[in-house]
Amino acid sequence: MSNYDYVIVGAGSSGSALAGRLAADNKIKILLLEAGPKDHNPFVKLPIGYGKLFYDQNVNWKFNTEPEKNLYGKRMYWPRGKILGGSSSINAMVFARGSKNDFDEWGEHASGWHWQDVEPFFRKMETWRGTSNQWRGNSGPIQVTDVSQHAHKLTSCYLEATEEIGINRNSDYNTGDIEGSFVYQINTHKGIRSSASRAYLSPRKKNKNLVVITRGHVKKILFEGTKAVGVEYSHKGNTKVVNASKEVILSAGALASPQLLQVSGIGPAGSLKDLNIEVISDLPDVGLHLKDHIGLDHTLLTNQPSLNQLLRPLRGKIMVALQYLLTRGGPLSLSLNQGGGFIKSDTNLKEPDLQLYFSPLSYTTAPLGKRPLMTPDPYPAVRLGFSLCKPTSEGRLSIQSADSAVPPKFFGNYLSTEYDQKTMITGMKLMRRLSETEALKKIIISEKIPGNDIQSNDEMLDFARANGETVFHQCGTCRMGDNPSKSVVDEKLKVRGVSGLRVVDASIFPTIPSGNINAPSIMVGEKAAELIIEEQN
């Protein structure tokens, strides 16, 4: 039996950051357990390689929801990283902190989590490769790059279109003020993905106080009374037990951390008893309040070449591959969502309610079960899309078994509120308003999807129900808060009703940020490390 000070479960965005920071103190002995493999897959390094990882069961949990009643029974596909770096190794690399108001909202739920409290950690975690300002970091492990000079030329038409309808350009949306349009910043450097594992764990490879075990699947947390003292996990066909003298820390993500709590006896007592699980702490909120961004794309046929003409034919693929190999540049070095924005659909709103996406590539003819971006359409087209910044629909997960190897049942519960339904319609109308600007009319032939037969509000909502998609931002299932009756963890991320146990990942988000959640997840790992070190000292 092995002994460590801290056992961290999950080497994803938060877990990698947490482990890397704790390991800086040679006196702290850490075990980091990751269910997936090492991050040596070449498509992890290659920015556009995430298309190859989208359905790769070797590095991806490939979860699916139960049939979504508000989406005509569709099962939403939820890829999640099962690899060192977690979803930071397989995502589309858009780097978005969120708004000042997002975190001031967190601070209303949990002391010490206002914007002024978390902003220093956003700076600490990054090296910003763009125009410097007081809000950006210059010596952190995560590399964040301004790629606006390398975006496809059609992206400039999108940016001009946003200005035509009164959306101002935002020179840096990662300062706390997100409103406006822009080219997305991505976490890459010199054409290579900057994942959480490469940023935080690779520099610690020689640290003897940090042990990283891959393909180690945690079965449950072990307790003595109500104190977490270790974990039981399987590795190479063997069941092993490891002790944690100080703390067990769950960083398994918003879908696995609540599952591990429940199979270990922390969750809604009635449900646990039904599965013959001994109740350690009755916490009804474990697995509830699941939030996710839902979005929708419009596909527009163009009279100008898009990336379709470059990435579909074999000759084009060879050209961009050579360009990448020789220069670390070109389309393979970028994400496909190039243009972006956060906007208020109504000027009376306090904060943006829609996030915008522009991609110089379309894939309406892609076969089922294959990542669409690997099969571009055979004609010039672009995608103009949006997602809801603050959806009010809440999902949940529920375990089916005391065995952690059996996935829970997931319920996204998308478009279950009138607000979400109305905002989807608003978003579709905005896409058409953008399409009708002079800047986009000069390149657009017609709207292929949704198409001119979709006009009324009812038709738009019907289309949104049939075609709305997750933006892969599940969070909130072990939410943090000052109120013990409405939270799973406190402001120090300690699980209520027990000792020696924290949760450090996107599951603790008290509310969903307006935009992408990878940067906030890494920030949570950074802040947790400081909380733990301060307490230890």
Protein backbone atom coordinates (compact mmCIF):
# COMPACT_ATOMS: atom_id res chain seq x y z
CA MET A 1 0.00 0.00 0.00
CA SER A 2 1.39 3.40 -1.03
CA ASN A 3 1.18 6.58 1.01
CA TYR A 4 0.98 10.15 -0.24
CA ASP A 5 0.04 13.51 1.20
CA TYR A 6 -2.44 14.21 -1.59
CA VAL A 7 -4.13 11.87 -4.02
CA ILE A 8 -5.58 13.75 -7.00
CA VAL A 9 -8.12 11.90 -9.14
CA GLY A 10 -8.04 13.14 -12.72
CA ALA A 11 -5.24 14.82 -14.70
CA GLY A 12 -7.50 17.12 -16.67
CA SER A 13 -7.53 20.90 -16.93
CA SER A 14 -7.93 21.52 -13.19
CA GLY A 15 -6.12 18.44 -11.90
CA SER A 16 -2.99 19.06 -13.99
CA ALA A 17 -2.78 22.68 -12.83
CA LEU A 18 -3.33 21.68 -9.21
CA ALA A 19 -0.76 18.87 -9.27
CA GLY A 20 1.83 20.98 -11.06
CA ARG A 21 1.56 23.82 -8.56
CA LEU A 22 1.56 21.58 -5.46
CA ALA A 23 4.59 19.68 -6.78
CA ALA A 24 6.65 22.88 -6.70
CA ASP A 25 7.07 22.16 -2.98
CA ASN A 26 9.39 19.15 -2.78
CA LYS A 27 8.12 18.33 0.71
CA ILE A 28 4.63 17.55 -0.61
CA LYS A 29 4.16 14.00 -1.90
CA ILE A 30 1.47 13.73 -4.59
CA LEU A 31 -0.13 10.92 -6.57
CA LEU A 32 -2.00 11.95 -9.71
CA LEU A 33 -4.29 9.25 -11.10
CA GLU A 34 -5.55 9.50 -14.69
CA ALA A 35 -7.96 6.99 -16.24
CA GLY A 36 -6.68 7.64 -19.75
CA PRO A 37 -3.29 7.26 -21.46
CA LYS A 38 -0.33 9.61 -21.76
CA ASP A 39 -0.72 12.52 -24.17
CA HIS A 40 1.67 11.25 -26.84
CA ASN A 41 -0.94 11.04 -29.60
CA PRO A 42 0.33 13.35 -32.40
CA PHE A 43 -3.19 14.67 -32.99
CA VAL A 44 -3.11 16.16 -29.47
CA LYS A 45 -0.19 18.41 -30.43
CA LEU A 46 -1.67 19.34 -33.82
CA PRO A 47 -4.26 22.09 -33.25
CA ILE A 48 -6.71 20.95 -35.90
CA GLY A 49 -6.10 17.36 -34.80
CA TYR A 50 -9.02 17.57 -32.39
CA GLY A 51 -11.18 16.46 -35.30
CA LYS A 52 -9.44 13.07 -35.16
CA LEU A 53 -9.94 12.81 -31.38
CA PHE A 54 -13.66 13.63 -31.38
CA TYR A 55 -14.74 9.97 -31.56
CA ASP A 56 -11.50 8.29 -30.47
CA GLN A 57 -12.43 6.01 -27.57
CA ASN A 58 -8.77 5.68 -26.60
CA VAL A 59 -8.69 9.30 -25.41
CA ASN A 60 -12.37 10.16 -25.14
CA TRP A 61 -15.12 8.98 -22.77
CA LYS A 62 -17.70 9.41 -25.58
CA PHE A 63 -20.67 9.96 -23.28
CA ASN A 64 -24.25 10.31 -24.53
CA THR A 65 -27.27 11.77 -22.80
CA GLU A 66 -30.55 9.97 -22.39
CA PRO A 67 -33.09 10.95 -25.09
CA GLU A 68 -33.70 14.69 -24.73
CA LYS A 69 -37.45 15.26 -24.47
CA ASN A 70 -37.21 18.89 -25.63
CA LEU A 71 -35.04 17.94 -28.63
CA TYR A 72 -37.37 15.33 -30.12
CA GLY A 73 -35.64 12.48 -28.33
CA LYS A 74 -32.16 13.19 -29.66
CA ARG A 75 -29.27 11.85 -27.58
CA MET A 76 -26.66 14.57 -27.22
CA TYR A 77 -23.09 13.38 -27.73
CA TRP A 78 -20.77 14.57 -24.94
CA PRO A 79 -17.07 13.95 -25.70
CA ARG A 80 -14.84 14.30 -22.62
CA GLY A 81 -11.08 13.92 -22.44
CA LYS A 82 -9.76 10.58 -21.14
CA ILE A 83 -6.06 11.40 -21.41
CA LEU A 84 -3.42 13.44 -19.62
CA GLY A 85 -4.71 16.99 -19.92
CA GLY A 86 -8.33 15.83 -20.03
CA SER A 87 -10.52 17.89 -22.32
CA SER A 88 -7.74 20.49 -22.70
CA SER A 89 -6.02 17.84 -24.86
CA ILE A 90 -8.97 17.26 -27.20
CA ASN A 91 -10.91 20.55 -27.30
CA ALA A 92 -11.00 23.32 -29.92
CA MET A 93 -8.57 25.49 -27.88
CA VAL A 94 -10.69 28.65 -27.67
CA PHE A 95 -9.34 30.59 -24.71
CA ALA A 96 -12.02 32.61 -22.92
CA ARG A 97 -11.87 33.59 -19.27
CA GLY A 98 -15.44 34.87 -19.04
CA SER A 99 -16.70 38.25 -17.93
CA LYS A 100 -16.13 40.23 -14.76
CA ASN A 101 -19.84 39.81 -14.03
CA ASP A 102 -19.58 36.01 -14.39
CA PHE A 103 -17.20 35.83 -11.45
CA ASP A 104 -18.84 38.55 -9.41
CA GLU A 105 -21.87 36.26 -9.69
CA TRP A 106 -19.71 33.40 -8.37
CA GLY A 107 -18.66 35.63 -5.49
CA GLU A 108 -22.29 36.16 -4.52
CA HIS A 109 -22.55 32.39 -4.06
CA ALA A 110 -19.14 31.73 -2.51
CA SER A 111 -16.85 34.09 -0.61
CA GLY A 112 -13.50 34.77 -2.25
CA TRP A 113 -14.54 34.03 -5.83
CA HIS A 114 -15.34 37.51 -7.18
CA TRP A 115 -13.55 38.76 -10.31
CA GLN A 116 -10.98 40.60 -8.19
CA ASP A 117 -10.23 37.30 -6.41
CA VAL A 118 -9.83 35.11 -9.49
CA GLU A 119 -8.32 37.56 -11.99
CA PRO A 120 -4.79 37.22 -10.53
CA PHE A 121 -4.94 33.45 -11.17
CA PHE A 122 -5.95 33.99 -14.79
CA ARG A 123 -2.84 36.14 -15.17
CA LYS A 124 -0.68 33.66 -13.27
CA MET A 125 -1.65 30.74 -15.49
CA GLU A 126 -0.86 32.28 -18.89
CA THR A 127 1.81 33.59 -21.16
CA TRP A 128 -0.08 35.93 -23.47
CA ARG A 129 1.41 36.21 -26.94
CA GLY A 130 -0.34 39.33 -28.16
CA THR A 131 -0.56 43.04 -27.37
CA SER A 132 0.26 43.37 -23.68
CA ASN A 133 -2.01 45.06 -21.15
CA GLN A 134 -2.41 45.11 -17.38
CA TRP A 135 -4.85 42.20 -17.42
CA ARG A 136 -2.65 39.65 -19.19
CA GLY A 137 0.03 37.35 -17.83
CA ASN A 138 3.49 37.02 -19.35
CA SER A 139 5.15 34.15 -17.50
CA GLY A 140 2.54 31.43 -16.92
CA PRO A 141 2.55 27.84 -18.19
CA ILE A 142 -0.45 28.07 -20.56
CA GLN A 143 0.49 29.65 -23.89
CA VAL A 144 -2.26 31.88 -25.31
CA THR A 145 -1.81 33.32 -28.79
CA ASP A 146 -3.41 36.14 -30.77
CA VAL A 147 -3.96 34.53 -34.18
CA SER A 148 -5.98 37.37 -35.70
CA GLN A 149 -3.32 37.97 -38.38
CA HIS A 150 -3.57 34.34 -39.49
CA ALA A 151 -7.35 33.96 -39.70
CA HIS A 152 -8.95 33.07 -43.03
CA LYS A 153 -9.69 36.11 -45.20
CA LEU A 154 -13.47 35.50 -45.02
CA THR A 155 -13.28 36.08 -41.26
CA SER A 156 -12.71 39.78 -41.97
CA CYS A 157 -16.08 39.86 -43.77
CA TYR A 158 -17.72 38.51 -40.62
CA LEU A 159 -16.02 41.16 -38.47
CA GLU A 160 -17.13 43.92 -40.86
CA ALA A 161 -20.68 42.53 -40.68
CA THR A 162 -20.74 42.73 -36.90
CA GLU A 163 -19.66 46.37 -37.06
CA GLU A 164 -22.41 47.10 -39.59
CA ILE A 165 -25.07 46.08 -37.08
CA GLY A 166 -23.49 48.06 -34.27
CA ILE A 167 -21.27 45.47 -32.59
CA ASN A 168 -17.97 47.10 -31.67
CA ARG A 169 -14.65 45.33 -32.14
CA ASN A 170 -13.12 44.16 -28.86
CA SER A 171 -9.32 44.27 -28.96
CA ASP A 172 -9.03 41.82 -26.03
CA TYR A 173 -12.09 40.00 -24.67
CA ASN A 174 -10.03 38.41 -21.86
CA THR A 175 -9.81 41.54 -19.72
CA GLY A 176 -13.16 41.01 -17.98
CA ASP A 177 -15.07 43.01 -20.60
CA ILE A 178 -16.24 40.44 -23.14
CA GLU A 179 -18.70 42.45 -25.24
CA GLY A 180 -17.89 42.91 -28.91
CA SER A 181 -16.55 40.93 -31.87
CA PHE A 182 -13.05 39.56 -32.41
CA VAL A 183 -10.90 36.68 -33.61
CA TYR A 184 -10.73 33.98 -30.95
CA GLN A 185 -7.51 33.65 -28.98
CA ILE A 186 -6.33 30.04 -28.73
CA ASN A 187 -4.06 28.18 -26.34
CA THR A 188 -1.27 27.29 -28.75
CA HIS A 189 2.32 28.37 -29.30
CA LYS A 190 4.22 28.05 -32.56
CA GLY A 191 1.48 25.88 -33.98
CA ILE A 192 1.35 23.38 -31.09
CA ARG A 193 -1.49 22.95 -28.58
CA SER A 194 -0.74 24.16 -25.06
CA SER A 195 -2.75 21.66 -23.00
CA ALA A 196 -2.91 21.67 -19.21
CA SER A 197 -0.78 18.53 -19.00
CA ARG A 198 1.96 19.87 -21.26
CA ALA A 199 1.90 23.19 -19.43
CA TYR A 200 1.86 21.96 -15.83
CA LEU A 201 3.00 18.32 -15.79
CA SER A 202 5.72 18.13 -18.45
CA PRO A 203 8.01 20.56 -16.54
CA ARG A 204 7.60 18.34 -13.44
CA LYS A 205 8.61 15.04 -15.06
CA LYS A 206 11.79 14.84 -12.99
CA ASN A 207 10.07 15.72 -9.71
CA LYS A 208 10.30 12.69 -7.43
CA ASN A 209 7.48 14.05 -5.24
CA LEU A 210 4.91 13.84 -8.06
CA VAL A 211 3.91 10.38 -9.26
CA VAL A 212 1.60 10.24 -12.29
CA ILE A 213 -0.19 6.97 -13.03
CA THR A 214 -2.06 6.70 -16.33
CA ARG A 215 -4.81 4.15 -17.11
CA GLY A 216 -5.63 4.10 -13.40
CA HIS A 217 -9.41 3.96 -13.00
CA VAL A 218 -10.63 5.00 -9.55
CA LYS A 219 -13.33 2.76 -8.12
CA LYS A 220 -14.19 4.71 -4.99
CA ILE A 221 -12.97 6.99 -2.22
CA LEU A 222 -12.09 5.25 1.04
CA PHE A 223 -13.25 6.60 4.40
CA GLU A 224 -12.55 6.10 8.07
CA GLY A 225 -15.77 7.35 9.55
CA THR A 226 -16.35 10.60 7.68
CA LYS A 227 -12.69 11.28 6.88
CA ALA A 228 -11.43 10.49 3.38
CA VAL A 229 -8.22 8.50 3.76
CA GLY A 230 -7.48 7.18 0.27
CA VAL A 231 -8.84 5.67 -2.92
CA GLU A 232 -9.26 2.25 -4.45
CA TYR A 233 -8.36 2.02 -8.13
CA SER A 234 -7.74 -0.52 -10.85
CA HIS A 235 -4.53 -0.55 -12.87
CA LYS A 236 -3.44 -3.14 -15.42
CA GLY A 237 -6.10 -5.54 -14.22
CA ASN A 238 -5.20 -5.25 -10.54
CA THR A 239 -7.11 -3.51 -7.76
CA LYS A 240 -4.92 -1.25 -5.63
CA VAL A 241 -5.36 0.94 -2.57
CA VAL A 242 -3.49 4.16 -1.92
CA ASN A 243 -3.54 6.29 1.25
CA ALA A 244 -3.82 10.07 1.40
CA SER A 245 -2.55 11.42 4.71
CA LYS A 246 -3.86 14.93 4.06
CA GLU A 247 -6.53 14.94 1.35
CA VAL A 248 -8.19 13.16 -1.53
CA ILE A 249 -8.97 15.64 -4.31
CA LEU A 250 -11.45 14.87 -7.08
CA SER A 251 -10.58 16.53 -10.38
CA ALA A 252 -12.38 14.02 -12.58
CA GLY A 253 -14.58 16.60 -14.29
CA ALA A 254 -18.20 17.67 -14.14
CA LEU A 255 -19.46 14.25 -15.24
CA ALA A 256 -17.18 11.91 -13.28
CA SER A 257 -16.56 13.75 -9.99
CA PRO A 258 -20.24 13.61 -8.91
CA GLN A 259 -20.35 9.95 -9.96
CA LEU A 260 -17.32 9.13 -7.79
CA LEU A 261 -18.85 10.99 -4.86
CA GLN A 262 -22.06 9.01 -5.19
CA VAL A 263 -20.49 5.56 -5.55
CA SER A 264 -18.40 6.43 -2.47
CA GLY A 265 -21.44 7.29 -0.36
CA ILE A 266 -21.81 11.04 -0.83
CA GLY A 267 -25.00 12.18 -2.50
CA PRO A 268 -28.79 11.84 -2.23
CA ALA A 269 -29.27 9.27 0.54
CA GLY A 270 -32.37 7.66 -0.94
CA SER A 271 -30.76 6.99 -4.31
CA LEU A 272 -27.59 5.62 -2.70
CA LYS A 273 -29.53 3.26 -0.45
CA ASP A 274 -31.43 1.96 -3.46
CA LEU A 275 -28.06 0.79 -4.83
CA ASN A 276 -26.93 -0.59 -1.44
CA ILE A 277 -24.29 2.12 -1.08
CA GLU A 278 -23.46 3.07 2.50
CA VAL A 279 -24.29 6.74 3.03
CA ILE A 280 -21.34 8.77 4.32
CA SER A 281 -22.88 12.22 3.73
CA ASP A 282 -26.42 12.94 2.54
CA LEU A 283 -25.90 15.67 -0.08
CA PRO A 284 -28.95 15.84 -2.39
CA ASP A 285 -27.31 18.33 -4.78
CA VAL A 286 -24.56 15.96 -5.97
CA GLY A 287 -25.18 15.46 -9.69
CA LEU A 288 -27.83 18.18 -9.96
CA HIS A 289 -27.70 21.70 -11.47
CA LEU A 290 -25.86 20.50 -14.57
CA LYS A 291 -25.41 23.45 -16.92
CA ASP A 292 -24.24 23.47 -20.53
CA HIS A 293 -24.21 25.90 -23.44
CA ILE A 294 -26.44 25.00 -26.37
CA GLY A 295 -25.78 26.44 -29.81
CA LEU A 296 -26.85 26.39 -33.44
CA ASP A 297 -25.10 26.93 -36.78
CA HIS A 298 -26.32 28.55 -40.00
CA THR A 299 -24.56 27.28 -43.13
CA LEU A 300 -24.12 29.86 -45.89
CA LEU A 301 -23.08 29.08 -49.47
CA THR A 302 -20.43 31.52 -50.71
CA ASN A 303 -19.12 32.82 -54.01
CA GLN A 304 -15.60 32.91 -52.56
CA PRO A 305 -13.40 29.90 -51.70
CA SER A 306 -13.62 28.76 -48.09
CA LEU A 307 -11.47 26.22 -46.27
CA ASN A 308 -13.65 23.53 -47.87
CA GLN A 309 -11.71 23.87 -51.12
CA LEU A 310 -8.41 23.51 -49.28
CA LEU A 311 -9.16 20.78 -46.73
CA ARG A 312 -11.37 18.46 -48.80
CA PRO A 313 -9.24 17.45 -51.84
CA LEU A 314 -6.17 15.27 -51.34
CA ARG A 315 -3.96 17.84 -53.05
CA GLY A 316 -5.12 20.54 -50.63
CA LYS A 317 -4.56 18.28 -47.63
CA ILE A 318 -1.00 17.61 -48.78
CA MET A 319 -0.39 21.33 -49.26
CA VAL A 320 -1.57 22.34 -45.79
CA ALA A 321 0.29 19.41 -44.22
CA LEU A 322 3.54 20.53 -45.88
CA GLN A 323 2.87 24.12 -44.85
CA TYR A 324 2.43 23.02 -41.24
CA LEU A 325 5.50 20.78 -41.24
CA LEU A 326 7.71 23.49 -42.73
CA THR A 327 6.37 26.57 -40.93
CA ARG A 328 4.10 25.37 -38.07
CA GLY A 329 1.54 27.69 -39.70
CA GLY A 330 -1.48 27.52 -41.96
CA PRO A 331 -4.98 26.10 -41.33
CA LEU A 332 -3.68 23.09 -39.38
CA SER A 333 -2.21 25.43 -36.76
CA LEU A 334 -5.56 27.05 -35.97
CA SER A 335 -8.96 26.22 -34.56
CA LEU A 336 -11.86 26.26 -36.99
CA ASN A 337 -14.02 28.71 -35.05
CA GLN A 338 -12.01 31.78 -35.98
CA GLY A 339 -14.38 34.73 -35.67
CA GLY A 340 -16.12 35.26 -32.36
CA GLY A 341 -18.15 37.64 -30.27
CA PHE A 342 -20.25 38.23 -27.20
CA ILE A 343 -23.27 40.43 -27.79
CA LYS A 344 -26.42 41.74 -26.15
CA SER A 345 -29.45 40.87 -28.26
CA ASP A 346 -31.23 43.70 -26.42
CA THR A 347 -29.39 46.90 -25.50
CA ASN A 348 -31.22 46.96 -22.15
CA LEU A 349 -29.42 43.80 -21.04
CA LYS A 350 -26.71 44.09 -18.40
CA GLU A 351 -24.50 41.44 -20.01
CA PRO A 352 -24.17 39.69 -23.38
CA ASP A 353 -26.63 36.83 -23.81
CA LEU A 354 -25.22 35.36 -27.04
CA GLN A 355 -21.78 34.08 -27.98
CA LEU A 356 -20.97 34.18 -31.70
CA TYR A 357 -18.89 31.87 -33.90
CA PHE A 358 -17.70 32.22 -37.48
CA SER A 359 -15.98 29.32 -39.24
CA PRO A 360 -14.65 29.46 -42.83
CA LEU A 361 -15.55 25.77 -43.23
CA SER A 362 -18.76 23.73 -43.47
CA TYR A 363 -19.55 20.03 -43.22
CA THR A 364 -23.25 19.43 -43.87
CA THR A 365 -22.54 16.26 -45.88
CA ALA A 366 -20.35 14.56 -43.26
CA PRO A 367 -21.29 10.92 -42.55
CA LEU A 368 -22.77 9.99 -39.17
CA GLY A 369 -20.28 8.87 -36.54
CA LYS A 370 -17.35 10.75 -38.06
CA ARG A 371 -16.12 14.11 -36.82
CA PRO A 372 -17.67 16.53 -39.33
CA LEU A 373 -14.62 18.75 -39.73
CA MET A 374 -12.73 15.80 -41.22
CA THR A 375 -15.21 15.81 -44.14
CA PRO A 376 -15.69 19.36 -45.48
CA ASP A 377 -18.47 20.04 -47.98
CA PRO A 378 -17.61 19.83 -51.71
CA TYR A 379 -18.70 23.44 -52.31
CA PRO A 380 -17.65 26.83 -50.85
CA ALA A 381 -19.52 27.62 -47.65
CA VAL A 382 -19.07 29.06 -44.16
CA ARG A 383 -20.81 28.60 -40.83
CA LEU A 384 -22.22 31.40 -38.71
CA GLY A 385 -23.30 30.25 -35.28
CA PHE A 386 -24.23 31.25 -31.77
CA SER A 387 -24.74 29.79 -28.31
CA LEU A 388 -26.67 30.94 -25.25
CA CYS A 389 -24.35 32.59 -22.72
CA LYS A 390 -26.56 31.98 -19.68
CA PRO A 391 -29.01 29.13 -20.33
CA THR A 392 -31.51 28.66 -17.51
CA SER A 393 -32.24 24.98 -18.27
CA GLU A 394 -30.65 22.58 -15.78
CA GLY A 395 -29.73 18.96 -16.33
CA ARG A 396 -28.59 16.23 -13.97
CA LEU A 397 -26.84 12.90 -13.78
CA SER A 398 -27.76 9.82 -11.78
CA ILE A 399 -25.65 6.74 -11.17
CA GLN A 400 -27.02 3.38 -12.29
CA SER A 401 -24.63 1.23 -10.29
CA ALA A 402 -22.23 1.23 -7.37
CA ASP A 403 -19.57 0.30 -9.94
CA SER A 404 -17.76 3.42 -11.19
CA ALA A 405 -17.04 1.64 -14.48
CA VAL A 406 -20.76 1.89 -15.33
CA PRO A 407 -21.45 5.38 -16.73
CA PRO A 408 -24.21 7.40 -15.07
CA LYS A 409 -27.35 8.42 -16.90
CA PHE A 410 -27.04 11.98 -18.19
CA PHE A 411 -29.97 14.33 -18.71
CA GLY A 412 -29.06 17.62 -20.43
CA ASN A 413 -32.65 18.91 -20.23
CA TYR A 414 -31.87 21.44 -22.96
CA LEU A 415 -34.41 24.10 -23.99
CA SER A 416 -36.66 23.28 -21.04
CA THR A 417 -37.27 26.93 -20.13
CA GLU A 418 -39.12 29.67 -21.97
CA TYR A 419 -36.06 31.93 -21.70
CA ASP A 420 -33.82 29.44 -23.49
CA GLN A 421 -36.40 28.84 -26.22
CA LYS A 422 -36.90 32.57 -26.85
CA THR A 423 -33.16 33.24 -26.85
CA MET A 424 -32.57 30.51 -29.44
CA ILE A 425 -35.11 32.20 -31.71
CA THR A 426 -33.43 35.55 -31.06
CA GLY A 427 -30.07 34.03 -31.99
CA MET A 428 -31.39 32.66 -35.28
CA LYS A 429 -32.82 36.05 -36.19
CA LEU A 430 -29.48 37.67 -35.40
CA MET A 431 -27.66 35.22 -37.72
CA ARG A 432 -29.94 36.33 -40.55
CA ARG A 433 -29.46 39.97 -39.68
CA LEU A 434 -25.71 39.45 -39.97
CA SER A 435 -26.15 37.55 -43.24
CA GLU A 436 -28.03 40.50 -44.71
CA THR A 437 -25.25 43.03 -44.07
CA GLU A 438 -23.37 44.44 -47.05
CA ALA A 439 -20.16 42.83 -45.77
CA LEU A 440 -21.60 39.31 -45.93
CA LYS A 441 -24.04 39.75 -48.82
CA LYS A 442 -21.09 40.31 -51.14
CA ILE A 443 -19.81 36.77 -50.43
CA ILE A 444 -23.06 34.84 -49.70
CA ILE A 445 -25.04 33.12 -52.45
CA SER A 446 -27.76 31.70 -50.21
CA GLU A 447 -28.59 30.24 -46.81
CA LYS A 448 -28.38 26.46 -47.09
CA ILE A 449 -29.23 25.76 -43.44
CA PRO A 450 -31.77 26.42 -41.94
CA GLY A 451 -33.09 27.51 -45.38
CA ASN A 452 -35.72 29.99 -46.50
CA ASP A 453 -38.65 27.76 -45.53
CA ILE A 454 -37.86 28.39 -41.84
CA GLN A 455 -39.42 31.80 -41.10
CA SER A 456 -41.90 31.94 -38.21
CA ASN A 457 -40.94 31.80 -34.53
CA ASP A 458 -42.55 28.37 -34.27
CA GLU A 459 -40.59 27.10 -37.27
CA MET A 460 -37.38 28.48 -35.82
CA LEU A 461 -37.94 26.87 -32.43
CA ASP A 462 -38.82 23.59 -34.13
CA PHE A 463 -35.57 23.79 -36.11
CA ALA A 464 -33.61 24.61 -32.95
CA ARG A 465 -35.07 21.60 -31.15
CA ALA A 466 -34.09 19.32 -34.02
CA ASN A 467 -30.66 20.81 -34.71
CA GLY A 468 -29.40 22.50 -31.54
CA GLU A 469 -26.09 21.12 -30.31
CA THR A 470 -24.04 21.16 -27.14
CA VAL A 471 -20.99 23.42 -27.09
CA PHE A 472 -19.35 20.86 -24.73
CA HIS A 473 -19.33 23.02 -21.58
CA GLN A 474 -20.91 20.80 -18.91
CA CYS A 475 -20.41 22.13 -15.39
CA GLY A 476 -22.02 22.78 -12.01
CA THR A 477 -22.76 19.25 -10.77
CA CYS A 478 -20.94 19.67 -7.42
CA ARG A 479 -21.57 23.35 -7.11
CA MET A 480 -19.78 25.58 -4.66
CA GLY A 481 -21.52 27.89 -2.23
CA ASP A 482 -21.66 29.47 1.20
CA ASN A 483 -25.12 28.02 1.85
CA PRO A 484 -24.72 24.42 3.13
CA SER A 485 -28.23 23.45 2.02
CA LYS A 486 -27.64 24.53 -1.59
CA SER A 487 -24.08 23.43 -2.29
CA VAL A 488 -21.83 20.37 -2.41
CA VAL A 489 -18.55 22.11 -1.59
CA ASP A 490 -17.76 25.24 0.40
CA GLU A 491 -15.72 28.24 -0.74
CA LYS A 492 -12.52 26.27 0.02
CA LEU A 493 -13.81 23.47 -2.28
CA LYS A 494 -14.19 21.08 0.68
CA VAL A 495 -16.99 18.55 0.40
CA ARG A 496 -19.68 19.12 2.99
CA GLY A 497 -20.30 16.58 5.72
CA VAL A 498 -16.87 14.94 5.49
CA SER A 499 -13.22 15.88 5.98
CA GLY A 500 -10.09 15.33 3.89
CA LEU A 501 -11.96 15.63 0.59
CA ARG A 502 -12.17 18.41 -2.00
CA VAL A 503 -13.51 18.76 -5.52
CA VAL A 504 -11.43 20.84 -7.94
CA ASP A 505 -12.85 21.04 -11.47
CA ALA A 506 -15.73 22.49 -13.51
CA SER A 507 -18.29 20.65 -11.40
CA ILE A 508 -17.86 23.27 -8.64
CA PHE A 509 -18.92 26.21 -10.85
CA PRO A 510 -21.83 27.86 -8.99
CA THR A 511 -23.08 29.33 -12.30
CA ILE A 512 -22.05 28.76 -15.89
CA PRO A 513 -19.66 31.37 -17.33
CA SER A 514 -20.77 33.25 -20.45
CA GLY A 515 -18.25 31.54 -22.72
CA ASN A 516 -15.90 28.58 -23.01
CA ILE A 517 -15.04 26.89 -19.72
CA ASN A 518 -11.53 25.51 -20.16
CA ALA A 519 -9.74 28.64 -18.95
CA PRO A 520 -11.99 28.92 -15.85
CA SER A 521 -11.35 25.22 -15.13
CA ILE A 522 -7.58 25.78 -15.15
CA MET A 523 -8.07 28.87 -12.98
CA VAL A 524 -9.94 26.72 -10.42
CA GLY A 525 -6.92 24.39 -10.27
CA GLU A 526 -4.59 27.35 -9.75
CA LYS A 527 -6.73 28.87 -7.00
CA ALA A 528 -7.22 25.50 -5.29
CA ALA A 529 -3.45 25.01 -5.14
CA GLU A 530 -3.06 28.32 -3.33
CA LEU A 531 -5.91 27.50 -0.92
CA ILE A 532 -4.27 24.17 -0.05
CA ILE A 533 -0.77 25.60 0.31
CA GLU A 534 -2.02 28.45 2.53
CA GLU A 535 -3.88 25.97 4.73
CA GLN A 536 -0.89 23.65 4.95
CA ASN A 537 1.38 26.50 5.97
